Amino acid sequence: MKGGGGKMSGTKPGGKKAAKTNKERYGTDFYELIGRIGGKISRGGGFAKDPELARRAGKKGGLASRKKK
C-alpha cells in the first residue's frame, strides 16, 4: 500500500477515533473548551457581519461549481 500506511485520517471512523483519543487525553469537555475559546476571540466579522459579502461569495462559488472544465 503506497502512501496511506493504513491510516484513517479523513474518514468517518478515523474522525470518531480521533474524537475518542482527544476526549481521553484532554477530558470529555475538550470540544466545549475549544469552542468557548474560539467564541471568546471572535470579533463577529465575516459573513455574520456582512450578509452582502456572503451573497457575493455564494454566487462566486455557485458559478465556479457549474463551470465546465
N, C-alpha and C. Protein backbone atom coordinates (compact mmCIF):
# COMPACT_ATOMS: atom_id res chain seq x y z
N MET A 1 0.85 -1.18 0.00
CA MET A 1 0.00 0.00 0.00
C MET A 1 0.89 1.24 0.00
N LYS A 2 0.70 2.09 -0.98
CA LYS A 2 1.57 3.24 -1.12
C LYS A 2 0.99 4.47 -0.43
N GLY A 3 1.79 5.13 0.38
CA GLY A 3 1.42 6.42 0.95
C GLY A 3 0.54 6.37 2.18
N GLY A 4 -0.57 5.66 2.15
CA GLY A 4 -1.54 5.69 3.24
C GLY A 4 -1.07 5.05 4.52
N GLY A 5 -0.46 3.89 4.42
CA GLY A 5 0.03 3.20 5.60
C GLY A 5 -1.07 2.75 6.54
N GLY A 6 -2.30 2.60 6.05
CA GLY A 6 -3.38 2.12 6.88
C GLY A 6 -3.97 3.16 7.82
N LYS A 7 -3.66 4.41 7.61
CA LYS A 7 -4.19 5.46 8.48
C LYS A 7 -5.63 5.77 8.12
N MET A 8 -6.35 6.34 9.06
CA MET A 8 -7.76 6.62 8.85
C MET A 8 -8.06 8.11 8.80
N SER A 9 -7.07 8.93 8.57
CA SER A 9 -7.33 10.37 8.54
C SER A 9 -8.25 10.70 7.38
N GLY A 10 -9.23 11.55 7.66
CA GLY A 10 -10.16 11.96 6.63
C GLY A 10 -11.33 11.02 6.42
N THR A 11 -11.46 10.01 7.26
CA THR A 11 -12.59 9.09 7.15
C THR A 11 -13.49 9.23 8.38
N LYS A 12 -14.71 8.76 8.26
CA LYS A 12 -15.65 8.84 9.38
C LYS A 12 -15.15 8.04 10.59
N PRO A 13 -14.69 6.78 10.39
CA PRO A 13 -14.16 6.03 11.53
C PRO A 13 -12.92 6.70 12.14
N GLY A 14 -12.09 7.30 11.26
CA GLY A 14 -10.90 8.00 11.73
C GLY A 14 -11.26 9.19 12.59
N GLY A 15 -12.30 9.92 12.19
CA GLY A 15 -12.76 11.07 12.96
C GLY A 15 -13.28 10.66 14.33
N LYS A 16 -14.02 9.56 14.37
CA LYS A 16 -14.54 9.07 15.65
C LYS A 16 -13.40 8.62 16.57
N LYS A 17 -12.40 7.98 15.97
CA LYS A 17 -11.25 7.54 16.76
C LYS A 17 -10.47 8.74 17.30
N ALA A 18 -10.31 9.76 16.46
CA ALA A 18 -9.61 10.97 16.89
C ALA A 18 -10.37 11.68 18.01
N ALA A 19 -11.70 11.74 17.88
CA ALA A 19 -12.51 12.38 18.92
C ALA A 19 -12.38 11.62 20.24
N LYS A 20 -12.40 10.31 20.16
CA LYS A 20 -12.25 9.48 21.36
C LYS A 20 -10.89 9.73 22.02
N THR A 21 -9.85 9.76 21.20
CA THR A 21 -8.49 10.00 21.71
C THR A 21 -8.39 11.37 22.36
N ASN A 22 -8.94 12.40 21.69
CA ASN A 22 -8.90 13.76 22.25
C ASN A 22 -9.60 13.83 23.60
N LYS A 23 -10.76 13.17 23.69
CA LYS A 23 -11.51 13.18 24.95
C LYS A 23 -10.76 12.44 26.05
N GLU A 24 -10.08 11.35 25.68
CA GLU A 24 -9.29 10.60 26.68
C GLU A 24 -8.11 11.43 27.16
N ARG A 25 -7.45 12.11 26.24
CA ARG A 25 -6.25 12.89 26.60
C ARG A 25 -6.58 14.18 27.34
N TYR A 26 -7.61 14.88 26.85
CA TYR A 26 -7.85 16.24 27.33
C TYR A 26 -9.14 16.41 28.13
N GLY A 27 -9.90 15.34 28.30
CA GLY A 27 -11.14 15.42 29.07
C GLY A 27 -12.36 15.41 28.18
N THR A 28 -13.49 15.03 28.77
CA THR A 28 -14.71 14.89 27.98
C THR A 28 -15.26 16.23 27.50
N ASP A 29 -14.83 17.33 28.10
CA ASP A 29 -15.31 18.65 27.68
C ASP A 29 -14.34 19.34 26.71
N PHE A 30 -13.48 18.56 26.06
CA PHE A 30 -12.46 19.10 25.15
C PHE A 30 -13.07 20.00 24.08
N TYR A 31 -14.08 19.50 23.38
CA TYR A 31 -14.65 20.27 22.28
C TYR A 31 -15.42 21.49 22.79
N GLU A 32 -16.02 21.37 23.95
CA GLU A 32 -16.70 22.51 24.56
C GLU A 32 -15.69 23.62 24.87
N LEU A 33 -14.53 23.23 25.38
CA LEU A 33 -13.50 24.21 25.74
C LEU A 33 -12.94 24.92 24.51
N ILE A 34 -12.62 24.16 23.45
CA ILE A 34 -12.05 24.82 22.28
C ILE A 34 -13.09 25.69 21.58
N GLY A 35 -14.37 25.30 21.66
CA GLY A 35 -15.43 26.13 21.11
C GLY A 35 -15.58 27.43 21.88
N ARG A 36 -15.45 27.33 23.19
CA ARG A 36 -15.56 28.52 24.04
C ARG A 36 -14.41 29.48 23.74
N ILE A 37 -13.20 28.94 23.58
CA ILE A 37 -12.04 29.78 23.27
C ILE A 37 -12.25 30.50 21.95
N GLY A 38 -12.72 29.76 20.94
CA GLY A 38 -12.98 30.36 19.63
C GLY A 38 -14.05 31.45 19.71
N GLY A 39 -15.08 31.21 20.51
CA GLY A 39 -16.13 32.21 20.67
C GLY A 39 -15.64 33.47 21.34
N LYS A 40 -14.75 33.31 22.30
CA LYS A 40 -14.22 34.49 23.02
C LYS A 40 -13.37 35.37 22.12
N ILE A 41 -12.58 34.75 21.23
CA ILE A 41 -11.68 35.56 20.40
C ILE A 41 -12.36 36.06 19.14
N SER A 42 -13.57 35.57 18.86
CA SER A 42 -14.29 36.01 17.66
C SER A 42 -14.65 37.48 17.78
N ARG A 43 -14.53 38.18 16.68
CA ARG A 43 -14.88 39.60 16.65
C ARG A 43 -16.15 39.82 15.83
N GLY A 44 -16.84 38.74 15.50
CA GLY A 44 -18.11 38.85 14.78
C GLY A 44 -17.97 39.36 13.36
N GLY A 45 -16.86 39.11 12.73
CA GLY A 45 -16.66 39.58 11.37
C GLY A 45 -17.14 38.57 10.36
N GLY A 46 -16.68 38.73 9.14
CA GLY A 46 -17.01 37.79 8.09
C GLY A 46 -18.48 37.81 7.71
N PHE A 47 -19.03 36.64 7.45
CA PHE A 47 -20.41 36.55 6.97
C PHE A 47 -21.42 36.98 8.03
N ALA A 48 -21.10 36.80 9.30
CA ALA A 48 -22.03 37.21 10.35
C ALA A 48 -22.24 38.72 10.33
N LYS A 49 -21.22 39.43 9.98
CA LYS A 49 -21.27 40.89 9.99
C LYS A 49 -21.75 41.47 8.66
N ASP A 50 -21.53 40.74 7.58
CA ASP A 50 -21.79 41.30 6.25
C ASP A 50 -22.53 40.29 5.37
N PRO A 51 -23.87 40.28 5.42
CA PRO A 51 -24.63 39.35 4.60
C PRO A 51 -24.41 39.54 3.09
N GLU A 52 -24.11 40.75 2.70
CA GLU A 52 -23.83 41.02 1.28
C GLU A 52 -22.57 40.29 0.84
N LEU A 53 -21.57 40.25 1.70
CA LEU A 53 -20.34 39.52 1.41
C LEU A 53 -20.64 38.03 1.24
N ALA A 54 -21.51 37.50 2.09
CA ALA A 54 -21.90 36.09 1.99
C ALA A 54 -22.61 35.83 0.67
N ARG A 55 -23.47 36.75 0.26
CA ARG A 55 -24.19 36.58 -1.00
C ARG A 55 -23.23 36.56 -2.19
N ARG A 56 -22.27 37.50 -2.19
CA ARG A 56 -21.30 37.55 -3.30
C ARG A 56 -20.42 36.30 -3.33
N ALA A 57 -19.99 35.84 -2.15
CA ALA A 57 -19.15 34.64 -2.10
C ALA A 57 -19.92 33.41 -2.56
N GLY A 58 -21.18 33.32 -2.16
CA GLY A 58 -22.01 32.20 -2.57
C GLY A 58 -22.23 32.19 -4.08
N LYS A 59 -22.40 33.37 -4.63
CA LYS A 59 -22.58 33.48 -6.09
C LYS A 59 -21.33 33.02 -6.81
N LYS A 60 -20.16 33.44 -6.33
CA LYS A 60 -18.89 33.02 -6.95
C LYS A 60 -18.72 31.51 -6.88
N GLY A 61 -19.00 30.96 -5.72
CA GLY A 61 -18.85 29.51 -5.55
C GLY A 61 -19.82 28.74 -6.42
N GLY A 62 -21.05 29.22 -6.51
CA GLY A 62 -22.05 28.56 -7.35
C GLY A 62 -21.68 28.61 -8.81
N LEU A 63 -21.18 29.75 -9.26
CA LEU A 63 -20.76 29.87 -10.66
C LEU A 63 -19.56 28.97 -10.95
N ALA A 64 -18.62 28.92 -10.03
CA ALA A 64 -17.42 28.11 -10.22
C ALA A 64 -17.78 26.62 -10.28
N SER A 65 -18.73 26.20 -9.46
CA SER A 65 -19.08 24.78 -9.45
C SER A 65 -19.85 24.36 -10.69
N ARG A 66 -20.43 25.32 -11.40
CA ARG A 66 -21.19 25.00 -12.60
C ARG A 66 -20.38 25.13 -13.89
N LYS A 67 -19.17 25.68 -13.77
CA LYS A 67 -18.35 25.84 -14.96
C LYS A 67 -17.91 24.48 -15.50
N LYS A 68 -17.91 24.38 -16.79
CA LYS A 68 -17.43 23.14 -17.41
C LYS A 68 -15.93 23.23 -17.59
N LYS A 69 -15.28 22.14 -17.31
CA LYS A 69 -13.81 22.15 -17.42
C LYS A 69 -13.36 21.51 -18.70
